[in-house]
N, C-alpha and C. Protein backbone atom coordinates (compact mmCIF):
# COMPACT_ATOMS: atom_id res chain seq x y z
N PHE A 1 18.01 5.21 5.84
CA PHE A 1 17.63 5.87 4.73
C PHE A 1 16.16 5.89 4.57
N LEU A 2 15.62 4.52 4.07
CA LEU A 2 14.12 4.20 4.10
C LEU A 2 13.45 4.23 5.19
N ILE A 3 14.00 4.11 6.40
CA ILE A 3 13.33 4.28 7.65
C ILE A 3 12.81 5.89 8.05
N ALA A 4 13.63 6.64 8.05
CA ALA A 4 13.62 7.93 7.98
C ALA A 4 12.65 8.35 6.98
N ARG A 5 12.59 7.91 5.79
CA ARG A 5 11.19 8.31 4.83
C ARG A 5 9.93 7.96 5.27
N SER A 6 9.67 6.68 5.91
CA SER A 6 8.77 6.27 6.11
C SER A 6 7.79 7.08 7.50
N MET A 7 9.16 7.72 8.35
CA MET A 7 8.80 8.05 9.71
C MET A 7 8.34 9.45 9.18
N PHE A 8 9.15 10.11 8.28
CA PHE A 8 8.32 11.43 7.58
C PHE A 8 7.01 11.37 6.93
N SER A 9 6.67 10.29 6.29
CA SER A 9 5.41 10.12 5.56
C SER A 9 4.25 9.88 6.76
N ARG A 10 4.87 8.98 7.58
CA ARG A 10 3.43 8.77 8.67
C ARG A 10 3.81 9.82 9.74
N GLY A 11 4.20 10.75 10.00
CA GLY A 11 4.17 12.13 10.66
C GLY A 11 3.26 13.12 9.83
N ILE A 12 3.76 13.31 8.58
CA ILE A 12 2.81 13.78 7.76
C ILE A 12 1.45 13.65 7.63
N ASP A 13 1.03 12.31 7.84
CA ASP A 13 -0.07 11.49 7.47
C ASP A 13 -1.10 11.91 8.83
N CYS A 14 -0.50 11.66 10.06
CA CYS A 14 -1.07 11.36 11.21
C CYS A 14 -1.51 13.38 11.46
N ASP A 15 -0.39 14.30 11.56
CA ASP A 15 -0.51 15.37 11.72
C ASP A 15 -1.84 15.96 10.60
N ALA A 16 -1.73 15.66 9.58
CA ALA A 16 -2.59 16.05 8.34
C ALA A 16 -4.16 15.62 8.68
N VAL A 17 -4.10 14.43 9.00
CA VAL A 17 -5.51 13.70 9.56
C VAL A 17 -5.98 14.47 10.78
N GLY A 18 -5.41 14.73 11.33
CA GLY A 18 -5.93 15.36 13.07
C GLY A 18 -6.16 16.82 12.61
N THR A 19 -4.95 17.40 11.55
CA THR A 19 -5.57 19.02 11.42
C THR A 19 -6.69 19.03 10.41
N ALA A 20 -7.06 17.85 9.90
CA ALA A 20 -8.35 17.87 9.10
C ALA A 20 -9.47 18.17 9.79
N ALA A 21 -9.42 16.96 11.08
CA ALA A 21 -10.94 17.36 11.86
C ALA A 21 -10.71 18.20 12.40
N ALA A 22 -9.84 19.09 13.04
CA ALA A 22 -9.87 20.17 13.71
C ALA A 22 -10.07 21.37 12.85
N ALA A 23 -9.75 21.49 11.41
CA ALA A 23 -10.31 22.30 10.60
C ALA A 23 -11.92 21.96 10.40
N ARG A 24 -12.36 20.69 10.76
CA ARG A 24 -14.01 20.75 10.55
C ARG A 24 -14.61 21.16 11.71
N TYR A 25 -14.17 20.79 12.65
CA TYR A 25 -14.76 21.04 14.04
C TYR A 25 -14.90 22.76 14.17
N ALA A 26 -13.77 23.41 13.75
CA ALA A 26 -13.61 24.95 13.67
C ALA A 26 -14.57 25.37 13.02
N ALA A 27 -14.79 24.94 11.56
CA ALA A 27 -15.61 25.45 10.61
C ALA A 27 -17.29 25.08 10.72
N ASP A 28 -17.45 24.14 11.89
CA ASP A 28 -18.65 23.78 11.95
C ASP A 28 -19.30 24.76 13.86
N GLY A 29 -18.00 25.37 14.19
CA GLY A 29 -18.17 26.07 15.41
C GLY A 29 -18.16 25.33 16.57
N ARG A 30 -17.71 24.45 16.77
CA ARG A 30 -17.79 22.85 17.54
C ARG A 30 -16.45 22.93 18.32
N GLU A 31 -16.44 22.24 19.39
CA GLU A 31 -15.48 22.42 20.05
C GLU A 31 -14.73 20.91 19.97
N ILE A 32 -13.36 20.83 19.74
CA ILE A 32 -12.84 19.34 19.11
C ILE A 32 -13.13 18.30 20.38
N GLY A 33 -13.80 17.32 19.68
CA GLY A 33 -14.07 16.11 20.62
C GLY A 33 -15.25 16.04 20.95
N SER A 34 -16.04 17.40 20.55
CA SER A 34 -17.57 17.24 21.09
C SER A 34 -18.56 16.23 20.14
N ASP A 35 -19.31 15.61 20.71
CA ASP A 35 -20.32 14.74 20.23
C ASP A 35 -21.20 15.40 19.00
N PRO A 36 -21.23 14.91 17.72
CA PRO A 36 -20.97 13.53 17.03
C PRO A 36 -19.50 13.46 17.05
N VAL A 37 -18.51 12.90 17.31
CA VAL A 37 -17.46 12.65 17.16
C VAL A 37 -17.12 12.64 15.51
N LEU A 38 -16.05 13.43 15.05
CA LEU A 38 -15.58 13.07 13.56
C LEU A 38 -14.05 12.45 13.69
N ARG A 39 -14.40 11.64 12.92
CA ARG A 39 -13.28 10.91 12.45
C ARG A 39 -12.58 10.83 10.76
N TYR A 40 -11.14 11.51 10.59
CA TYR A 40 -11.02 11.05 9.42
C TYR A 40 -10.35 10.08 9.22
N VAL A 41 -10.04 9.63 7.59
CA VAL A 41 -9.06 8.89 7.15
C VAL A 41 -8.23 9.45 5.81
N THR A 42 -7.12 8.72 5.70
CA THR A 42 -6.33 9.58 4.67
C THR A 42 -6.97 8.74 3.03
N GLY A 43 -7.28 9.59 2.36
CA GLY A 43 -8.04 9.52 0.79
C GLY A 43 -6.63 9.33 0.03
N LEU A 44 -5.73 10.46 0.63
CA LEU A 44 -4.29 10.68 -0.74
C LEU A 44 -3.49 11.23 0.28
N LEU A 45 -2.07 10.55 0.08
CA LEU A 45 -1.07 11.00 0.68
C LEU A 45 -0.14 11.40 -0.40
N GLN A 46 0.63 12.48 -0.16
CA GLN A 46 1.65 12.71 -1.56
C GLN A 46 2.52 13.67 -0.63
N VAL A 47 3.96 13.11 -0.96
CA VAL A 47 5.24 13.42 -0.05
C VAL A 47 6.32 13.58 -0.87
N SER A 48 7.10 14.72 -0.44
CA SER A 48 8.23 15.01 -1.44
C SER A 48 9.03 15.46 -0.61
N PHE A 49 10.57 14.85 -0.98
CA PHE A 49 11.67 14.81 -0.39
C PHE A 49 12.31 15.94 -0.68
N THR A 50 12.13 17.05 -0.66
CA THR A 50 12.86 18.36 -1.37
C THR A 50 14.35 18.45 -1.14
N ALA A 51 14.96 17.85 0.31
CA ALA A 51 16.36 18.44 0.46
C ALA A 51 16.58 17.52 1.62
N PRO A 52 17.79 16.90 1.67
CA PRO A 52 18.46 16.16 2.60
C PRO A 52 17.99 16.70 4.43
N THR A 53 17.59 16.08 4.91
CA THR A 53 17.10 16.41 6.41
C THR A 53 18.13 15.57 7.44
N PRO A 54 18.78 16.79 7.97
CA PRO A 54 20.00 15.85 8.97
C PRO A 54 19.49 15.23 10.12
N MET A 55 20.04 14.73 10.73
CA MET A 55 20.04 13.87 11.69
C MET A 55 20.27 14.48 12.96
N GLY A 56 19.62 14.25 14.37
CA GLY A 56 20.30 15.08 15.12
C GLY A 56 19.46 16.17 15.70
N GLY A 57 19.32 17.00 14.54
CA GLY A 57 18.86 18.38 15.23
C GLY A 57 17.16 18.49 15.36
N GLU A 58 16.68 19.62 15.87
CA GLU A 58 15.47 19.66 16.13
C GLU A 58 14.64 19.86 14.80
N LEU A 59 13.50 19.08 14.64
CA LEU A 59 12.50 18.88 13.43
C LEU A 59 11.31 20.01 14.00
N GLN A 60 10.75 20.19 12.94
CA GLN A 60 9.36 21.08 13.08
C GLN A 60 8.58 20.42 12.01
N LEU A 61 7.21 20.01 12.45
CA LEU A 61 5.98 19.44 11.16
C LEU A 61 5.18 20.32 11.67
N ARG A 62 4.61 21.29 10.54
CA ARG A 62 3.91 22.30 10.53
C ARG A 62 2.52 21.62 9.66
N ALA A 63 1.51 21.49 9.75
CA ALA A 63 0.30 21.14 8.91
C ALA A 63 -0.67 22.62 8.88
N TRP A 64 -1.54 22.87 7.83
CA TRP A 64 -2.53 23.49 7.42
C TRP A 64 -3.31 23.04 6.86
N PRO A 65 -5.16 23.80 6.75
CA PRO A 65 -5.93 23.39 5.74
C PRO A 65 -5.68 24.02 4.57
N VAL A 66 -5.94 23.39 3.52
CA VAL A 66 -5.94 24.52 2.51
C VAL A 66 -7.52 24.39 1.84
N GLU A 67 -8.30 23.59 2.36
CA GLU A 67 -9.72 23.67 1.62
C GLU A 67 -10.57 22.81 2.79
N VAL A 68 -11.80 23.08 3.35
CA VAL A 68 -12.51 22.53 4.23
C VAL A 68 -13.95 22.31 3.80
N GLY A 69 -14.33 20.94 3.24
CA GLY A 69 -15.62 20.77 2.77
C GLY A 69 -16.39 20.02 3.85
N GLU A 70 -17.52 19.49 3.39
CA GLU A 70 -18.22 18.94 4.20
C GLU A 70 -17.69 17.64 4.73
N ARG A 71 -16.93 16.81 4.24
CA ARG A 71 -16.76 15.39 4.03
C ARG A 71 -15.01 15.42 3.92
N LYS A 72 -14.62 16.60 2.91
CA LYS A 72 -13.27 16.01 2.79
C LYS A 72 -12.73 17.71 3.19
N VAL A 73 -11.32 17.46 3.77
CA VAL A 73 -10.21 18.51 3.80
C VAL A 73 -9.42 18.30 3.34
N VAL A 74 -8.41 19.49 2.79
CA VAL A 74 -7.31 19.02 1.90
C VAL A 74 -6.19 19.64 2.97
N VAL A 75 -4.87 19.42 3.23
CA VAL A 75 -4.27 19.49 4.29
C VAL A 75 -2.91 19.49 3.51
N ASP A 76 -2.14 20.71 3.94
CA ASP A 76 -0.38 20.75 3.29
C ASP A 76 0.04 20.93 4.64
N ALA A 77 1.15 20.43 4.22
CA ALA A 77 2.43 20.29 5.56
C ALA A 77 3.64 20.32 5.06
N GLU A 78 4.68 20.54 5.92
CA GLU A 78 5.89 20.38 5.68
C GLU A 78 6.79 20.21 6.78
N VAL A 79 8.02 19.68 6.76
CA VAL A 79 8.97 19.17 7.48
C VAL A 79 10.32 20.42 7.74
N ILE A 80 10.67 20.94 8.67
CA ILE A 80 11.51 22.05 8.67
C ILE A 80 12.92 21.81 9.69
N ALA A 81 14.18 21.67 9.11
CA ALA A 81 15.10 21.39 9.57
C ALA A 81 15.97 22.37 9.36
N ASP A 82 16.48 22.96 10.59
CA ASP A 82 17.67 24.15 10.59
C ASP A 82 16.81 25.29 9.70
N GLY A 83 15.92 25.60 9.80
CA GLY A 83 15.32 26.58 9.03
C GLY A 83 14.92 26.42 7.48
N GLN A 84 15.17 25.17 7.02
CA GLN A 84 14.66 24.53 5.75
C GLN A 84 13.62 23.86 5.44
N VAL A 85 13.06 23.83 4.45
CA VAL A 85 11.81 22.85 4.48
C VAL A 85 12.32 21.89 3.56
N THR A 86 12.53 20.96 4.17
CA THR A 86 13.34 19.57 3.75
C THR A 86 11.99 18.51 3.29
N VAL A 87 10.96 18.40 3.58
CA VAL A 87 10.28 17.48 3.40
C VAL A 87 8.17 18.05 2.99
N THR A 88 8.00 18.02 1.98
CA THR A 88 6.64 18.72 1.76
C THR A 88 5.44 17.56 1.90
N GLY A 89 4.21 17.78 2.08
CA GLY A 89 3.20 16.78 2.03
C GLY A 89 1.98 17.56 1.49
N HIS A 90 1.18 16.37 0.81
CA HIS A 90 -0.10 16.96 0.34
C HIS A 90 -1.26 15.87 0.74
N VAL A 91 -2.06 16.35 1.44
CA VAL A 91 -3.15 15.09 1.57
C VAL A 91 -4.69 15.54 2.01
N ILE A 92 -5.17 14.76 1.50
CA ILE A 92 -6.79 14.70 1.72
C ILE A 92 -7.63 14.00 2.56
N ALA A 93 -7.97 14.54 3.39
CA ALA A 93 -8.65 13.21 4.16
C ALA A 93 -10.03 13.38 4.23
N VAL A 94 -10.66 12.14 4.65
CA VAL A 94 -11.95 12.02 4.10
C VAL A 94 -12.78 11.55 5.63
N GLN A 95 -13.83 12.16 5.90
CA GLN A 95 -14.41 11.97 7.10
C GLN A 95 -15.49 10.52 6.81
N LEU A 96 -15.40 9.76 7.97
CA LEU A 96 -15.83 8.37 8.09
C LEU A 96 -17.77 8.88 8.20
N ARG A 97 -18.44 8.46 7.46
CA ARG A 97 -19.63 8.74 7.60
C ARG A 97 -19.97 7.74 9.22
N GLN A 98 -21.00 8.77 9.97
CA GLN A 98 -21.51 8.58 11.08
C GLN A 98 -22.43 6.90 11.05
N PRO A 99 -22.37 6.22 11.84
CA PRO A 99 -23.18 4.84 11.94
C PRO A 99 -24.41 5.21 12.14
N THR A 100 -25.34 4.83 11.31
CA THR A 100 -26.64 5.15 11.70
C THR A 100 -27.03 3.69 12.78
N PRO A 101 -28.03 4.39 13.56
CA PRO A 101 -28.44 3.34 14.61
C PRO A 101 -29.54 2.27 14.34
């Protein structure tokens, strides 16, 4: 039970931070991974377990940007099992500052 909850939290965190970077690249009209590389960290992670998630079936994890700022991107996410949302997430990802030479 606790292991499953931490796995969902990590999955939402990773997917949301990646979504944040992709959203900023898109907002800047840049290709993902182009220089300077954008790196994000988790500023806030909220996870709600809204229904039991059955084991052994296929799961979908979806994340989408809600707000794209200069250094902050807000992302919402959900885990879907058997067509039902079982876990929701809300993440604020913050862009790391580029090191000065």
